[in-house]
């Protein structure tokens, strides 16, 4: 059974959008809630997610202008997930597991892995009379790791400035730029949940303190003479 993917409603005043990029192509197998396309309106860019897991078939091209509610793709949710990929990966992990486990603790530079869960960051309601805000500053940039409740952006309305916090710990990916004018409810970024957090090097501060302790007696000796 094919499931139609339609352009979602992104704002009361927006009736037309542009298909900016296909993240997934025709024939690709997609998981449920996986990002398949990026759309652009007059004021912001946003993503379209798969409503079902299955094989994707696109029906519009990149750069096309489309109306809210138009069908842009379909997903065949009766199609089985390709077995070649899932079978090969466990085999490689089993054969190389002893070597990898010994090497992993020694390297802190390996990228952290995402779990597949993504949470959109939207403009919150800030007052009954306020329908539009400006993105004043990104406190965090695309690719940065953020903790839950950490401030990621500063917004400005006609009357005040306020902060937007992360609802989830993970990697942030911004979708609007500083200075953009946005509406309440617009998505400004997504946060991809991770299985861990980046390691922080702590070797520099003790070394600096050691140098200070060595230097102090040398400064005192000439004074004694």
C-alpha atoms as a PDB file:
ATOM      1  CA  UNK A   1       0.000   0.000   0.000  1.00  0.00           C
ATOM      2  CA  UNK A   2       1.370   3.401  -1.034  1.00  0.00           C
ATOM      3  CA  UNK A   3       1.270   6.304   1.432  1.00  0.00           C
ATOM      4  CA  UNK A   4       1.177   9.824  -0.062  1.00  0.00           C
ATOM      5  CA  UNK A   5       3.607  12.432   1.305  1.00  0.00           C
ATOM      6  CA  UNK A   6       2.065  15.910   1.170  1.00  0.00           C
ATOM      7  CA  UNK A   7       3.390  19.411   1.766  1.00  0.00           C
ATOM      8  CA  UNK A   8       2.465  20.238   5.396  1.00  0.00           C
ATOM      9  CA  UNK A   9       0.933  23.506   6.586  1.00  0.00           C
ATOM     10  CA  UNK A  10       3.789  25.781   7.691  1.00  0.00           C
ATOM     11  CA  UNK A  11       1.972  29.018   8.483  1.00  0.00           C
ATOM     12  CA  UNK A  12      -1.338  30.787   7.998  1.00  0.00           C
ATOM     13  CA  UNK A  13       0.022  33.199   5.388  1.00  0.00           C
ATOM     14  CA  UNK A  14       2.096  30.649   3.437  1.00  0.00           C
ATOM     15  CA  UNK A  15       0.352  28.905   0.528  1.00  0.00           C
ATOM     16  CA  UNK A  16       3.320  28.008  -1.684  1.00  0.00           C
ATOM     17  CA  UNK A  17       6.781  26.539  -1.079  1.00  0.00           C
ATOM     18  CA  UNK A  18       9.788  25.415  -3.123  1.00  0.00           C
ATOM     19  CA  UNK A  19      11.292  21.931  -3.015  1.00  0.00           C
ATOM     20  CA  UNK A  20      14.848  22.825  -2.078  1.00  0.00           C
ATOM     21  CA  UNK A  21      16.454  19.360  -1.994  1.00  0.00           C
ATOM     22  CA  UNK A  22      15.640  15.657  -1.955  1.00  0.00           C
ATOM     23  CA  UNK A  23      17.518  14.074   0.952  1.00  0.00           C
ATOM     24  CA  UNK A  24      16.298  10.667  -0.236  1.00  0.00           C
ATOM     25  CA  UNK A  25      15.848   9.625  -3.884  1.00  0.00           C
ATOM     26  CA  UNK A  26      13.362   7.455  -5.765  1.00  0.00           C
ATOM     27  CA  UNK A  27      14.004   3.797  -4.951  1.00  0.00           C
ATOM     28  CA  UNK A  28      15.637   4.504  -1.575  1.00  0.00           C
ATOM     29  CA  UNK A  29      14.368   2.640   1.477  1.00  0.00           C
ATOM     30  CA  UNK A  30      13.435   5.090   4.248  1.00  0.00           C
ATOM     31  CA  UNK A  31      12.674   4.572   7.921  1.00  0.00           C
ATOM     32  CA  UNK A  32       9.610   6.094   9.573  1.00  0.00           C
ATOM     33  CA  UNK A  33      10.191   9.756  10.609  1.00  0.00           C
ATOM     34  CA  UNK A  34      13.403   9.905   8.549  1.00  0.00           C
ATOM     35  CA  UNK A  35      13.970  13.217   6.714  1.00  0.00           C
ATOM     36  CA  UNK A  36      13.274  12.790   2.984  1.00  0.00           C
ATOM     37  CA  UNK A  37      13.167  16.361   1.658  1.00  0.00           C
ATOM     38  CA  UNK A  38      13.875  20.003   2.455  1.00  0.00           C
ATOM     39  CA  UNK A  39      11.328  22.694   1.528  1.00  0.00           C
ATOM     40  CA  UNK A  40      11.683  26.461   1.502  1.00  0.00           C
ATOM     41  CA  UNK A  41       9.064  29.165   2.031  1.00  0.00           C
ATOM     42  CA  UNK A  42       9.504  32.931   1.808  1.00  0.00           C
ATOM     43  CA  UNK A  43      10.680  33.084   5.406  1.00  0.00           C
ATOM     44  CA  UNK A  44      12.273  29.767   6.385  1.00  0.00           C
ATOM     45  CA  UNK A  45      13.342  26.279   5.374  1.00  0.00           C
ATOM     46  CA  UNK A  46      11.870  23.136   6.885  1.00  0.00           C
ATOM     47  CA  UNK A  47      12.008  19.366   6.493  1.00  0.00           C
ATOM     48  CA  UNK A  48       9.524  16.694   5.417  1.00  0.00           C
ATOM     49  CA  UNK A  49       9.649  13.347   7.203  1.00  0.00           C
ATOM     50  CA  UNK A  50       8.538   9.887   6.109  1.00  0.00           C
ATOM     51  CA  UNK A  51       5.187   8.886   7.632  1.00  0.00           C
ATOM     52  CA  UNK A  52       5.921   5.175   7.070  1.00  0.00           C
ATOM     53  CA  UNK A  53       8.918   2.943   6.509  1.00  0.00           C
ATOM     54  CA  UNK A  54       9.245   1.690   2.928  1.00  0.00           C
ATOM     55  CA  UNK A  55      10.501   2.437  -0.598  1.00  0.00           C
ATOM     56  CA  UNK A  56      10.262   6.071  -1.714  1.00  0.00           C
ATOM     57  CA  UNK A  57       8.960   7.320  -5.085  1.00  0.00           C
ATOM     58  CA  UNK A  58       9.276  11.083  -5.704  1.00  0.00           C
ATOM     59  CA  UNK A  59       6.823  12.963  -7.943  1.00  0.00           C
ATOM     60  CA  UNK A  60       8.261  16.509  -8.123  1.00  0.00           C
ATOM     61  CA  UNK A  61      11.698  17.860  -8.936  1.00  0.00           C
ATOM     62  CA  UNK A  62      14.138  19.985  -6.983  1.00  0.00           C
ATOM     63  CA  UNK A  63      13.372  23.684  -7.521  1.00  0.00           C
ATOM     64  CA  UNK A  64       9.669  23.092  -8.222  1.00  0.00           C
ATOM     65  CA  UNK A  65       7.118  25.453  -6.660  1.00  0.00           C
ATOM     66  CA  UNK A  66       4.316  23.518  -4.956  1.00  0.00           C
ATOM     67  CA  UNK A  67       1.200  24.360  -2.965  1.00  0.00           C
ATOM     68  CA  UNK A  68       0.410  23.400   0.621  1.00  0.00           C
ATOM     69  CA  UNK A  69      -1.261  19.975   0.551  1.00  0.00           C
ATOM     70  CA  UNK A  70       0.260  18.891  -2.785  1.00  0.00           C
ATOM     71  CA  UNK A  71       1.563  15.310  -3.019  1.00  0.00           C
ATOM     72  CA  UNK A  72       5.346  15.319  -3.539  1.00  0.00           C
ATOM     73  CA  UNK A  73       6.096  11.602  -3.098  1.00  0.00           C
ATOM     74  CA  UNK A  74       4.713   8.226  -2.068  1.00  0.00           C
ATOM     75  CA  UNK A  75       6.068   5.429   0.117  1.00  0.00           C
ATOM     76  CA  UNK A  76       5.372   1.753  -0.523  1.00  0.00           C
ATOM     77  CA  UNK A  77       5.128   0.443   3.036  1.00  0.00           C
ATOM     78  CA  UNK A  78       4.694  -3.151   1.846  1.00  0.00           C
ATOM     79  CA  UNK A  79       8.285  -3.244   0.562  1.00  0.00           C
ATOM     80  CA  UNK A  80      10.712  -5.184   2.745  1.00  0.00           C
ATOM     81  CA  UNK A  81      13.858  -3.606   4.118  1.00  0.00           C
ATOM     82  CA  UNK A  82      16.937  -4.588   2.050  1.00  0.00           C
ATOM     83  CA  UNK A  83      18.641  -7.543   3.713  1.00  0.00           C
ATOM     84  CA  UNK A  84      22.116  -7.047   2.218  1.00  0.00           C
ATOM     85  CA  UNK A  85      22.925  -4.045   4.426  1.00  0.00           C
ATOM     86  CA  UNK A  86      21.654  -5.508   7.697  1.00  0.00           C
ATOM     87  CA  UNK A  87      23.398  -8.867   7.155  1.00  0.00           C
ATOM     88  CA  UNK A  88      26.828  -7.513   6.273  1.00  0.00           C
ATOM     89  CA  UNK A  89      27.247  -5.085   9.165  1.00  0.00           C
ATOM     90  CA  UNK A  90      26.932  -7.591  12.050  1.00  0.00           C
ATOM     91  CA  UNK A  91      29.400  -9.913  10.310  1.00  0.00           C
ATOM     92  CA  UNK A  92      32.027  -7.170  10.129  1.00  0.00           C
ATOM     93  CA  UNK A  93      31.482  -6.201  13.749  1.00  0.00           C
ATOM     94  CA  UNK A  94      31.853  -9.798  14.957  1.00  0.00           C
ATOM     95  CA  UNK A  95      35.118 -10.425  13.109  1.00  0.00           C
ATOM     96  CA  UNK A  96      36.777  -7.155  14.128  1.00  0.00           C
ATOM     97  CA  UNK A  97      35.239  -6.713  17.580  1.00  0.00           C
ATOM     98  CA  UNK A  98      38.313  -7.718  19.669  1.00  0.00           C
ATOM     99  CA  UNK A  99      40.570  -5.174  17.916  1.00  0.00           C
ATOM    100  CA  UNK A 100      38.026  -2.316  17.960  1.00  0.00           C
ATOM    101  CA  UNK A 101      37.190  -2.675  21.654  1.00  0.00           C
ATOM    102  CA  UNK A 102      40.840  -2.330  22.634  1.00  0.00           C
ATOM    103  CA  UNK A 103      41.354   0.752  20.444  1.00  0.00           C
ATOM    104  CA  UNK A 104      38.187   2.690  21.324  1.00  0.00           C
ATOM    105  CA  UNK A 105      39.026   3.777  24.911  1.00  0.00           C
ATOM    106  CA  UNK A 106      42.318   5.328  23.765  1.00  0.00           C
ATOM    107  CA  UNK A 107      40.749   7.686  21.166  1.00  0.00           C
ATOM    108  CA  UNK A 108      38.580  10.608  22.261  1.00  0.00           C
ATOM    109  CA  UNK A 109      38.282  12.107  18.770  1.00  0.00           C
ATOM    110  CA  UNK A 110      35.761   9.608  17.337  1.00  0.00           C
ATOM    111  CA  UNK A 111      32.422  11.251  16.408  1.00  0.00           C
ATOM    112  CA  UNK A 112      29.469  10.443  18.650  1.00  0.00           C
ATOM    113  CA  UNK A 113      26.620   8.470  17.085  1.00  0.00           C
ATOM    114  CA  UNK A 114      23.001   9.567  16.697  1.00  0.00           C
ATOM    115  CA  UNK A 115      20.150   7.318  17.821  1.00  0.00           C
ATOM    116  CA  UNK A 116      17.798   8.279  14.970  1.00  0.00           C
ATOM    117  CA  UNK A 117      15.476  10.323  17.176  1.00  0.00           C
ATOM    118  CA  UNK A 118      15.038  13.939  16.050  1.00  0.00           C
ATOM    119  CA  UNK A 119      13.149  16.777  17.744  1.00  0.00           C
ATOM    120  CA  UNK A 120      12.228  20.006  15.915  1.00  0.00           C
ATOM    121  CA  UNK A 121      12.966  23.303  17.644  1.00  0.00           C
ATOM    122  CA  UNK A 122      10.050  25.696  17.114  1.00  0.00           C
ATOM    123  CA  UNK A 123       9.354  29.342  17.929  1.00  0.00           C
ATOM    124  CA  UNK A 124       7.365  29.307  21.192  1.00  0.00           C
ATOM    125  CA  UNK A 125       4.339  31.497  21.937  1.00  0.00           C
ATOM    126  CA  UNK A 126       5.617  34.639  23.668  1.00  0.00           C
ATOM    127  CA  UNK A 127       2.445  36.719  23.986  1.00  0.00           C
ATOM    128  CA  UNK A 128      -1.088  36.997  22.663  1.00  0.00           C
ATOM    129  CA  UNK A 129      -0.342  40.022  20.493  1.00  0.00           C
ATOM    130  CA  UNK A 130       2.991  38.755  19.137  1.00  0.00           C
ATOM    131  CA  UNK A 131       2.884  36.722  15.919  1.00  0.00           C
ATOM    132  CA  UNK A 132       6.333  37.451  14.499  1.00  0.00           C
ATOM    133  CA  UNK A 133       9.896  37.487  15.884  1.00  0.00           C
ATOM    134  CA  UNK A 134      13.461  37.948  14.638  1.00  0.00           C
ATOM    135  CA  UNK A 135      16.285  35.449  15.169  1.00  0.00           C
ATOM    136  CA  UNK A 136      18.776  37.693  16.935  1.00  0.00           C
ATOM    137  CA  UNK A 137      21.681  35.279  17.486  1.00  0.00           C
ATOM    138  CA  UNK A 138      22.603  31.592  17.368  1.00  0.00           C
ATOM    139  CA  UNK A 139      24.231  30.688  20.691  1.00  0.00           C
ATOM    140  CA  UNK A 140      24.942  27.231  19.258  1.00  0.00           C
ATOM    141  CA  UNK A 141      25.875  26.510  15.630  1.00  0.00           C
ATOM    142  CA  UNK A 142      25.034  23.623  13.296  1.00  0.00           C
ATOM    143  CA  UNK A 143      26.991  20.545  14.350  1.00  0.00           C
ATOM    144  CA  UNK A 144      27.389  21.652  17.985  1.00  0.00           C
ATOM    145  CA  UNK A 145      26.486  19.283  20.814  1.00  0.00           C
ATOM    146  CA  UNK A 146      23.899  20.717  23.235  1.00  0.00           C
ATOM    147  CA  UNK A 147      22.655  19.561  26.613  1.00  0.00           C
ATOM    148  CA  UNK A 148      18.930  19.417  27.406  1.00  0.00           C
ATOM    149  CA  UNK A 149      17.572  22.867  28.439  1.00  0.00           C
ATOM    150  CA  UNK A 150      20.766  24.566  27.193  1.00  0.00           C
ATOM    151  CA  UNK A 151      20.198  27.896  25.392  1.00  0.00           C
ATOM    152  CA  UNK A 152      20.645  27.527  21.625  1.00  0.00           C
ATOM    153  CA  UNK A 153      19.272  30.808  20.253  1.00  0.00           C
ATOM    154  CA  UNK A 154      18.154  34.316  21.142  1.00  0.00           C
ATOM    155  CA  UNK A 155      14.977  35.770  19.598  1.00  0.00           C
ATOM    156  CA  UNK A 156      13.645  39.310  19.568  1.00  0.00           C
ATOM    157  CA  UNK A 157      10.043  40.540  19.406  1.00  0.00           C
ATOM    158  CA  UNK A 158       8.744  44.106  19.292  1.00  0.00           C
ATOM    159  CA  UNK A 159       8.770  44.283  23.070  1.00  0.00           C
ATOM    160  CA  UNK A 160      11.528  42.017  24.399  1.00  0.00           C
ATOM    161  CA  UNK A 161      14.237  39.457  23.744  1.00  0.00           C
ATOM    162  CA  UNK A 162      13.981  35.861  24.892  1.00  0.00           C
ATOM    163  CA  UNK A 163      15.840  32.560  24.643  1.00  0.00           C
ATOM    164  CA  UNK A 164      15.091  29.211  23.026  1.00  0.00           C
ATOM    165  CA  UNK A 165      16.257  26.104  24.888  1.00  0.00           C
ATOM    166  CA  UNK A 166      17.043  22.588  23.681  1.00  0.00           C
ATOM    167  CA  UNK A 167      14.331  20.044  24.504  1.00  0.00           C
ATOM    168  CA  UNK A 168      16.767  17.180  23.977  1.00  0.00           C
ATOM    169  CA  UNK A 169      20.509  16.548  24.348  1.00  0.00           C
ATOM    170  CA  UNK A 170      22.210  15.948  21.009  1.00  0.00           C
ATOM    171  CA  UNK A 171      23.560  17.544  17.832  1.00  0.00           C
ATOM    172  CA  UNK A 172      21.816  20.731  16.661  1.00  0.00           C
ATOM    173  CA  UNK A 173      21.220  21.507  12.967  1.00  0.00           C
ATOM    174  CA  UNK A 174      19.984  25.030  12.277  1.00  0.00           C
ATOM    175  CA  UNK A 175      17.619  25.812   9.380  1.00  0.00           C
ATOM    176  CA  UNK A 176      17.301  29.619   9.531  1.00  0.00           C
ATOM    177  CA  UNK A 177      19.828  32.449   9.638  1.00  0.00           C
ATOM    178  CA  UNK A 178      20.502  35.258  12.084  1.00  0.00           C
ATOM    179  CA  UNK A 179      18.324  38.261  11.222  1.00  0.00           C
ATOM    180  CA  UNK A 180      15.512  36.151   9.698  1.00  0.00           C
ATOM    181  CA  UNK A 181      11.941  37.136  10.524  1.00  0.00           C
ATOM    182  CA  UNK A 182       9.903  34.151  11.714  1.00  0.00           C
ATOM    183  CA  UNK A 183       6.378  33.326  12.811  1.00  0.00           C
ATOM    184  CA  UNK A 184       5.288  31.683  16.058  1.00  0.00           C
ATOM    185  CA  UNK A 185       5.438  27.910  15.564  1.00  0.00           C
ATOM    186  CA  UNK A 186       8.054  27.998  12.766  1.00  0.00           C
ATOM    187  CA  UNK A 187      10.789  25.345  12.958  1.00  0.00           C
ATOM    188  CA  UNK A 188      14.235  26.940  13.291  1.00  0.00           C
ATOM    189  CA  UNK A 189      16.353  23.837  13.900  1.00  0.00           C
ATOM    190  CA  UNK A 190      16.329  20.124  14.701  1.00  0.00           C
ATOM    191  CA  UNK A 191      18.183  18.278  17.444  1.00  0.00           C
ATOM    192  CA  UNK A 192      19.438  14.767  16.716  1.00  0.00           C
ATOM    193  CA  UNK A 193      19.655  12.660  19.868  1.00  0.00           C
ATOM    194  CA  UNK A 194      23.042  11.008  20.450  1.00  0.00           C
ATOM    195  CA  UNK A 195      24.112   7.899  22.308  1.00  0.00           C
ATOM    196  CA  UNK A 196      26.702   9.866  24.268  1.00  0.00           C
ATOM    197  CA  UNK A 197      28.427  13.244  24.520  1.00  0.00           C
ATOM    198  CA  UNK A 198      31.800  14.508  23.200  1.00  0.00           C
ATOM    199  CA  UNK A 199      34.803  13.983  25.454  1.00  0.00           C
ATOM    200  CA  UNK A 200      36.330  17.172  26.861  1.00  0.00           C
ATOM    201  CA  UNK A 201      40.140  17.360  27.081  1.00  0.00           C
ATOM    202  CA  UNK A 202      41.311  18.256  30.608  1.00  0.00           C
ATOM    203  CA  UNK A 203      45.106  18.079  30.292  1.00  0.00           C
ATOM    204  CA  UNK A 204      45.835  21.767  29.633  1.00  0.00           C
ATOM    205  CA  UNK A 205      44.790  23.350  32.965  1.00  0.00           C
ATOM    206  CA  UNK A 206      46.956  21.145  35.260  1.00  0.00           C
ATOM    207  CA  UNK A 207      49.970  21.835  33.021  1.00  0.00           C
ATOM    208  CA  UNK A 208      49.425  25.590  33.303  1.00  0.00           C
ATOM    209  CA  UNK A 209      49.231  25.385  37.094  1.00  0.00           C
ATOM    210  CA  UNK A 210      52.480  23.402  37.227  1.00  0.00           C
ATOM    211  CA  UNK A 211      54.280  26.122  35.252  1.00  0.00           C
ATOM    212  CA  UNK A 212      53.050  28.781  37.668  1.00  0.00           C
ATOM    213  CA  UNK A 213      54.382  26.833  40.672  1.00  0.00           C
ATOM    214  CA  UNK A 214      57.810  26.448  39.057  1.00  0.00           C
ATOM    215  CA  UNK A 215      57.997  30.111  38.064  1.00  0.00           C
ATOM    216  CA  UNK A 216      57.052  31.480  41.514  1.00  0.00           C
ATOM    217  CA  UNK A 217      60.247  30.500  43.404  1.00  0.00           C
ATOM    218  CA  UNK A 218      62.437  31.974  40.628  1.00  0.00           C
ATOM    219  CA  UNK A 219      60.748  35.341  41.016  1.00  0.00           C
ATOM    220  CA  UNK A 220      61.254  35.267  44.773  1.00  0.00           C
ATOM    221  CA  UNK A 221      65.002  34.409  44.790  1.00  0.00           C
ATOM    222  CA  UNK A 222      66.303  37.761  43.418  1.00  0.00           C
ATOM    223  CA  UNK A 223      64.204  39.612  46.013  1.00  0.00           C
ATOM    224  CA  UNK A 224      65.878  37.642  48.852  1.00  0.00           C
ATOM    225  CA  UNK A 225      69.377  38.571  47.577  1.00  0.00           C
END
